[in-house]
Amino acid sequence: MTMDTYYFVAASERFLTEEEPLEEVLRERARDYSEKGKTIDFWLVRQPRFLDCDELTDQTKAVPRPAAAVISTDSTFIDFMKLRLEYVLKGSFNAPSAAVPDPLASNQTT
């Protein structure tokens, strides 16, 4: 099994999904990818499980819970999101791994 590097920006779920026009940014990027025939390489995950893994705890403990994250395999896109959103934590992790078996897993129960 090969591991990939996933890049992310994370913040409170309310900030990312209500206070910022994130949906518009992601919809525009999806449209652009569709026009170019590119495969989607970014996801919005509410209450992402990877934020709770021991390897990232020191880095992610400052993110208010419930949290949300935009995750991508494209570091340039995450750099753009960090500049665009400003008040978010930016980081990365490798997955699948023992600590993060599913990079897109959520703790959300509904």
C-alpha atoms as a PDB file:
ATOM      1  CA  MET A   1       0.000   0.000   0.000  1.00  0.00           C
ATOM      2  CA  THR A   2       1.404   3.375  -1.002  1.00  0.00           C
ATOM      3  CA  MET A   3       1.097   6.415   1.229  1.00  0.00           C
ATOM      4  CA  ASP A   4       0.178   9.827  -0.115  1.00  0.00           C
ATOM      5  CA  THR A   5       0.816  13.217   1.449  1.00  0.00           C
ATOM      6  CA  TYR A   6      -2.343  15.115   2.257  1.00  0.00           C
ATOM      7  CA  TYR A   7      -2.272  18.840   2.903  1.00  0.00           C
ATOM      8  CA  PHE A   8      -4.969  20.630   4.850  1.00  0.00           C
ATOM      9  CA  VAL A   9      -6.317  23.816   6.284  1.00  0.00           C
ATOM     10  CA  ALA A  10      -8.472  23.384   9.380  1.00  0.00           C
ATOM     11  CA  ALA A  11     -10.595  25.708  11.487  1.00  0.00           C
ATOM     12  CA  SER A  12     -13.818  25.660  13.415  1.00  0.00           C
ATOM     13  CA  GLU A  13     -16.610  24.121  11.387  1.00  0.00           C
ATOM     14  CA  ARG A  14     -18.705  27.260  11.839  1.00  0.00           C
ATOM     15  CA  PHE A  15     -15.911  29.490  10.522  1.00  0.00           C
ATOM     16  CA  LEU A  16     -15.239  27.376   7.428  1.00  0.00           C
ATOM     17  CA  THR A  17     -18.823  26.555   6.517  1.00  0.00           C
ATOM     18  CA  GLU A  18     -20.751  29.659   7.604  1.00  0.00           C
ATOM     19  CA  GLU A  19     -18.466  32.683   7.971  1.00  0.00           C
ATOM     20  CA  GLU A  20     -16.315  32.125   4.884  1.00  0.00           C
ATOM     21  CA  PRO A  21     -17.565  31.806   1.281  1.00  0.00           C
ATOM     22  CA  LEU A  22     -15.837  28.419   1.118  1.00  0.00           C
ATOM     23  CA  GLU A  23     -18.598  26.717  -0.844  1.00  0.00           C
ATOM     24  CA  GLU A  24     -18.142  29.231  -3.665  1.00  0.00           C
ATOM     25  CA  VAL A  25     -14.367  28.670  -3.791  1.00  0.00           C
ATOM     26  CA  LEU A  26     -14.734  24.872  -3.857  1.00  0.00           C
ATOM     27  CA  ARG A  27     -17.539  24.975  -6.432  1.00  0.00           C
ATOM     28  CA  GLU A  28     -15.413  27.194  -8.723  1.00  0.00           C
ATOM     29  CA  ARG A  29     -12.431  24.873  -8.374  1.00  0.00           C
ATOM     30  CA  ALA A  30     -14.611  21.825  -9.122  1.00  0.00           C
ATOM     31  CA  ARG A  31     -15.960  23.570 -12.236  1.00  0.00           C
ATOM     32  CA  ASP A  32     -12.409  24.390 -13.358  1.00  0.00           C
ATOM     33  CA  TYR A  33     -11.318  20.774 -12.824  1.00  0.00           C
ATOM     34  CA  SER A  34     -14.336  19.531 -14.779  1.00  0.00           C
ATOM     35  CA  GLU A  35     -13.534  21.799 -17.727  1.00  0.00           C
ATOM     36  CA  LYS A  36      -9.926  20.573 -17.724  1.00  0.00           C
ATOM     37  CA  GLY A  37     -10.858  16.905 -17.284  1.00  0.00           C
ATOM     38  CA  LYS A  38      -8.935  16.802 -13.998  1.00  0.00           C
ATOM     39  CA  THR A  39      -9.770  14.421 -11.174  1.00  0.00           C
ATOM     40  CA  ILE A  40     -10.965  16.063  -7.951  1.00  0.00           C
ATOM     41  CA  ASP A  41      -8.109  16.097  -5.425  1.00  0.00           C
ATOM     42  CA  PHE A  42      -9.699  18.165  -2.659  1.00  0.00           C
ATOM     43  CA  TRP A  43     -12.417  17.520  -0.091  1.00  0.00           C
ATOM     44  CA  LEU A  44     -14.250  19.343   2.678  1.00  0.00           C
ATOM     45  CA  VAL A  45     -14.436  17.098   5.736  1.00  0.00           C
ATOM     46  CA  ARG A  46     -16.527  18.068   8.738  1.00  0.00           C
ATOM     47  CA  GLN A  47     -15.104  16.889  12.069  1.00  0.00           C
ATOM     48  CA  PRO A  48     -12.103  15.191  10.435  1.00  0.00           C
ATOM     49  CA  ARG A  49     -10.771  12.245  12.389  1.00  0.00           C
ATOM     50  CA  PHE A  50      -7.117  12.906  11.479  1.00  0.00           C
ATOM     51  CA  LEU A  51      -7.122  16.016  13.721  1.00  0.00           C
ATOM     52  CA  ASP A  52      -7.369  13.693  16.728  1.00  0.00           C
ATOM     53  CA  CYS A  53      -4.479  11.376  15.844  1.00  0.00           C
ATOM     54  CA  ASP A  54      -1.617  11.367  18.353  1.00  0.00           C
ATOM     55  CA  GLU A  55       0.972  12.346  15.731  1.00  0.00           C
ATOM     56  CA  LEU A  56      -0.828  15.637  15.012  1.00  0.00           C
ATOM     57  CA  THR A  57      -2.201  16.512  18.472  1.00  0.00           C
ATOM     58  CA  ASP A  58       0.418  19.168  19.258  1.00  0.00           C
ATOM     59  CA  GLN A  59      -0.206  20.803  15.904  1.00  0.00           C
ATOM     60  CA  THR A  60      -4.008  20.571  15.856  1.00  0.00           C
ATOM     61  CA  LYS A  61      -4.981  21.171  19.481  1.00  0.00           C
ATOM     62  CA  ALA A  62      -5.495  24.895  18.762  1.00  0.00           C
ATOM     63  CA  VAL A  63      -8.233  24.187  16.213  1.00  0.00           C
ATOM     64  CA  PRO A  64     -11.652  24.833  17.812  1.00  0.00           C
ATOM     65  CA  ARG A  65     -14.014  21.867  17.852  1.00  0.00           C
ATOM     66  CA  PRO A  66     -16.192  20.934  16.130  1.00  0.00           C
ATOM     67  CA  ALA A  67     -13.715  21.473  13.322  1.00  0.00           C
ATOM     68  CA  ALA A  68     -13.739  21.175   9.566  1.00  0.00           C
ATOM     69  CA  ALA A  69     -10.896  20.874   7.083  1.00  0.00           C
ATOM     70  CA  VAL A  70     -10.225  21.254   3.401  1.00  0.00           C
ATOM     71  CA  ILE A  71      -7.922  18.393   2.479  1.00  0.00           C
ATOM     72  CA  SER A  72      -6.026  18.019  -0.792  1.00  0.00           C
ATOM     73  CA  THR A  73      -3.130  16.178  -2.349  1.00  0.00           C
ATOM     74  CA  ASP A  74      -2.213  19.505  -4.036  1.00  0.00           C
ATOM     75  CA  SER A  75      -0.007  21.579  -1.717  1.00  0.00           C
ATOM     76  CA  THR A  76      -0.321  24.666  -3.946  1.00  0.00           C
ATOM     77  CA  PHE A  77      -4.109  24.660  -3.549  1.00  0.00           C
ATOM     78  CA  ILE A  78      -3.760  24.442   0.241  1.00  0.00           C
ATOM     79  CA  ASP A  79      -1.237  27.306   0.168  1.00  0.00           C
ATOM     80  CA  PHE A  80      -3.865  29.320  -1.735  1.00  0.00           C
ATOM     81  CA  MET A  81      -6.552  28.365   0.782  1.00  0.00           C
ATOM     82  CA  LYS A  82      -4.311  29.449   3.678  1.00  0.00           C
ATOM     83  CA  LEU A  83      -3.782  32.853   2.058  1.00  0.00           C
ATOM     84  CA  ARG A  84      -7.474  33.140   1.172  1.00  0.00           C
ATOM     85  CA  LEU A  85      -8.824  32.120   4.580  1.00  0.00           C
ATOM     86  CA  GLU A  86      -6.013  33.455   6.804  1.00  0.00           C
ATOM     87  CA  TYR A  87      -7.352  32.282  10.200  1.00  0.00           C
ATOM     88  CA  VAL A  88      -6.834  28.560   9.638  1.00  0.00           C
ATOM     89  CA  LEU A  89      -4.223  25.996  10.623  1.00  0.00           C
ATOM     90  CA  LYS A  90      -2.218  24.640   7.693  1.00  0.00           C
ATOM     91  CA  GLY A  91      -0.518  21.270   7.877  1.00  0.00           C
ATOM     92  CA  SER A  92       0.076  17.919   6.262  1.00  0.00           C
ATOM     93  CA  PHE A  93       0.121  14.216   7.039  1.00  0.00           C
ATOM     94  CA  ASN A  94       0.785  10.925   5.282  1.00  0.00           C
ATOM     95  CA  ALA A  95      -1.956   8.370   4.787  1.00  0.00           C
ATOM     96  CA  PRO A  96      -3.008   5.685   4.838  1.00  0.00           C
ATOM     97  CA  SER A  97      -0.963   4.917   7.926  1.00  0.00           C
ATOM     98  CA  ALA A  98      -1.476   3.314  11.330  1.00  0.00           C
ATOM     99  CA  ALA A  99      -2.239   6.774  12.771  1.00  0.00           C
ATOM    100  CA  VAL A 100      -4.465   7.884   9.872  1.00  0.00           C
ATOM    101  CA  PRO A 101      -5.917   4.853   8.087  1.00  0.00           C
ATOM    102  CA  ASP A 102      -8.494   6.948   6.178  1.00  0.00           C
ATOM    103  CA  PRO A 103      -7.532  10.569   5.414  1.00  0.00           C
ATOM    104  CA  LEU A 104     -11.143  11.558   4.747  1.00  0.00           C
ATOM    105  CA  ALA A 105     -12.741   9.891   7.789  1.00  0.00           C
ATOM    106  CA  SER A 106     -15.066  11.983   9.907  1.00  0.00           C
ATOM    107  CA  ASN A 107     -16.127  11.855  13.535  1.00  0.00           C
ATOM    108  CA  GLN A 108     -19.506  13.240  12.487  1.00  0.00           C
ATOM    109  CA  THR A 109     -22.316  10.889  13.444  1.00  0.00           C
ATOM    110  CA  THR A 110     -25.064  12.279  11.205  1.00  0.00           C
END
